[in-house]
Amino acid sequence: MARGNGRTINVKIPTQKVITALQQSLAKLELDYTTQDQAEAKYQKAMEKWRKEVIKFAMDNIAKAENIRTNYRQWTHNLNVDFDLTVKENEFPTEPERESEVMHQHAYREMKEEISNAIRILQLTDEEVVSTSTYNSIAKYL
């Protein structure tokens, strides 16, 4: 494998190890896809809790508000109040982070097909080691 600095890496990886790694990667992909709804629900619940904490923080500190803007819509009887608060980093609630990325069905199918194809092709070969070009084409799944 050539890199930008002109050096090459030449490693011989046993085909069976690559097949095993791809099978593990495929199993993880399938697990991540089937559990992503649960992970997303957990994230949305945490986000709702965080939004409530932010609202409470804003209401508790409204006396420090700057640049207050209001907009009243008479036809819908809605009042929008917008203001700015300058806060210290450690006093503001921490926003939750997603534990996993949301994977769309088409991306899942494409990745699953590519990994499955790579496994089938590698299982058919008599070569004991995987070539560098083959490894480069499947490395993103390992």
Protein backbone atom coordinates (compact mmCIF):
# COMPACT_ATOMS: atom_id res chain seq x y z
CA MET A 1 0.00 0.00 0.00
CA ALA A 2 1.47 3.31 -0.99
CA ARG A 3 0.99 6.31 1.24
CA GLY A 4 1.54 9.99 0.65
CA ASN A 5 5.04 9.85 2.14
CA GLY A 6 6.32 7.40 -0.49
CA ARG A 7 6.70 4.44 1.85
CA THR A 8 4.91 1.19 1.21
CA ILE A 9 3.52 -1.35 3.61
CA ASN A 10 3.64 -4.94 2.48
CA VAL A 11 1.84 -7.28 4.85
CA LYS A 12 0.64 -10.78 4.15
CA ILE A 13 -2.62 -11.45 5.93
CA PRO A 14 -3.98 -15.00 6.07
CA THR A 15 -7.19 -15.33 4.06
CA GLN A 16 -8.98 -17.19 6.86
CA LYS A 17 -8.30 -14.34 9.31
CA VAL A 18 -9.75 -11.84 6.85
CA ILE A 19 -12.84 -14.03 6.33
CA THR A 20 -13.33 -14.31 10.09
CA ALA A 21 -12.94 -10.55 10.52
CA LEU A 22 -15.45 -9.89 7.73
CA GLN A 23 -17.94 -12.34 9.27
CA GLN A 24 -17.61 -10.54 12.61
CA SER A 25 -18.04 -7.21 10.86
CA LEU A 26 -21.17 -8.48 9.12
CA ALA A 27 -22.62 -9.74 12.41
CA LYS A 28 -21.92 -6.35 14.05
CA LEU A 29 -23.51 -4.52 11.11
CA GLU A 30 -26.66 -6.64 11.39
CA LEU A 31 -26.81 -6.19 15.16
CA ASP A 32 -26.32 -2.42 14.91
CA TYR A 33 -29.04 -2.16 12.27
CA THR A 34 -31.57 -4.23 14.22
CA THR A 35 -30.95 -2.36 17.49
CA GLN A 36 -30.76 1.13 16.06
CA ASP A 37 -34.45 1.82 16.79
CA GLN A 38 -33.85 1.11 20.48
CA ALA A 39 -30.71 3.28 20.51
CA GLU A 40 -32.54 6.11 18.73
CA ALA A 41 -35.47 5.92 21.18
CA LYS A 42 -33.01 6.09 24.08
CA TYR A 43 -31.30 9.11 22.47
CA GLN A 44 -34.62 10.90 21.84
CA LYS A 45 -35.63 10.33 25.46
CA ALA A 46 -32.31 11.78 26.64
CA MET A 47 -32.74 14.75 24.27
CA GLU A 48 -36.23 15.45 25.64
CA LYS A 49 -34.85 15.42 29.19
CA TRP A 50 -32.03 17.76 28.11
CA ARG A 51 -34.50 20.17 26.44
CA LYS A 52 -36.45 20.35 29.70
CA GLU A 53 -33.22 21.06 31.60
CA VAL A 54 -32.36 23.84 29.12
CA ILE A 55 -35.83 25.38 29.48
CA LYS A 56 -35.55 25.25 33.28
CA PHE A 57 -32.07 26.80 33.08
CA ALA A 58 -33.35 29.57 30.80
CA MET A 59 -36.35 30.32 33.02
CA ASP A 60 -34.20 30.35 36.16
CA ASN A 61 -31.80 32.82 34.51
CA ILE A 62 -34.27 35.00 32.61
CA ALA A 63 -33.28 37.99 34.76
CA LYS A 64 -29.86 37.87 33.02
CA ALA A 65 -31.47 37.88 29.56
CA GLU A 66 -30.14 40.22 26.89
CA ASN A 67 -31.42 41.19 23.46
CA ILE A 68 -35.04 40.24 24.16
CA ARG A 69 -37.21 39.91 21.07
CA THR A 70 -40.95 39.31 20.92
CA ASN A 71 -43.29 38.44 18.11
CA TYR A 72 -47.06 38.28 18.57
CA ARG A 73 -49.18 36.62 15.90
CA GLN A 74 -52.68 37.94 16.42
CA TRP A 75 -54.39 35.59 13.96
CA THR A 76 -53.11 32.51 15.82
CA HIS A 77 -52.82 34.16 19.26
CA ASN A 78 -49.19 33.02 19.58
CA LEU A 79 -46.48 34.95 21.37
CA ASN A 80 -42.86 34.10 20.62
CA VAL A 81 -40.21 35.37 23.04
CA ASP A 82 -36.56 35.03 22.08
CA PHE A 83 -33.61 36.14 24.20
CA ASP A 84 -29.89 35.60 24.63
CA LEU A 85 -28.12 34.32 27.74
CA THR A 86 -24.40 34.35 28.30
CA VAL A 87 -23.52 31.23 30.25
CA LYS A 88 -20.46 29.66 31.71
CA GLU A 89 -19.52 26.29 30.20
CA ASN A 90 -19.83 24.32 33.42
CA GLU A 91 -23.27 25.69 34.41
CA PHE A 92 -25.10 24.75 31.20
CA PRO A 93 -26.65 21.24 30.87
CA THR A 94 -24.59 18.86 28.75
CA GLU A 95 -26.26 17.79 25.51
CA PRO A 96 -26.49 14.00 25.07
CA GLU A 97 -24.60 12.35 22.22
CA ARG A 98 -25.78 9.56 19.98
CA GLU A 99 -24.20 6.23 20.85
CA SER A 100 -24.51 5.03 17.26
CA GLU A 101 -25.20 6.45 13.85
CA VAL A 102 -28.58 6.03 12.22
CA MET A 103 -28.17 3.79 9.19
CA HIS A 104 -30.68 4.03 6.37
CA GLN A 105 -32.00 0.83 4.86
CA HIS A 106 -30.34 1.34 1.47
CA ALA A 107 -26.92 1.90 3.07
CA TYR A 108 -27.38 -1.18 5.25
CA ARG A 109 -28.34 -3.34 2.28
CA GLU A 110 -25.40 -2.08 0.22
CA MET A 111 -22.85 -2.68 2.99
CA LYS A 112 -24.32 -6.09 3.82
CA GLU A 113 -24.17 -7.14 0.17
CA GLU A 114 -20.58 -5.94 -0.28
CA ILE A 115 -19.37 -7.72 2.87
CA SER A 116 -21.26 -10.90 1.97
CA ASN A 117 -19.81 -10.86 -1.54
CA ALA A 118 -16.30 -10.38 -0.20
CA ILE A 119 -16.75 -13.32 2.18
CA ARG A 120 -18.05 -15.59 -0.60
CA ILE A 121 -15.21 -14.65 -2.95
CA LEU A 122 -12.55 -15.15 -0.28
CA GLN A 123 -14.03 -18.53 0.67
CA LEU A 124 -13.63 -19.65 -2.97
CA THR A 125 -9.95 -18.78 -3.25
CA ASP A 126 -7.10 -21.22 -2.78
CA GLU A 127 -4.70 -18.40 -1.87
CA GLU A 128 -3.37 -18.58 1.67
CA VAL A 129 -2.87 -14.83 1.95
CA VAL A 130 -4.87 -11.82 0.81
CA SER A 131 -3.25 -9.48 -1.70
CA THR A 132 -2.76 -5.83 -0.80
CA SER A 133 -5.22 -4.65 -3.45
CA THR A 134 -7.91 -7.02 -2.16
CA TYR A 135 -7.25 -5.91 1.39
CA ASN A 136 -7.49 -2.26 0.35
CA SER A 137 -10.91 -2.82 -1.19
CA ILE A 138 -12.35 -4.49 1.94
CA ALA A 139 -10.44 -2.62 4.65
CA LYS A 140 -13.30 -0.16 5.27
CA TYR A 141 -15.44 -3.02 6.57
CA LEU A 142 -12.87 -4.40 9.01
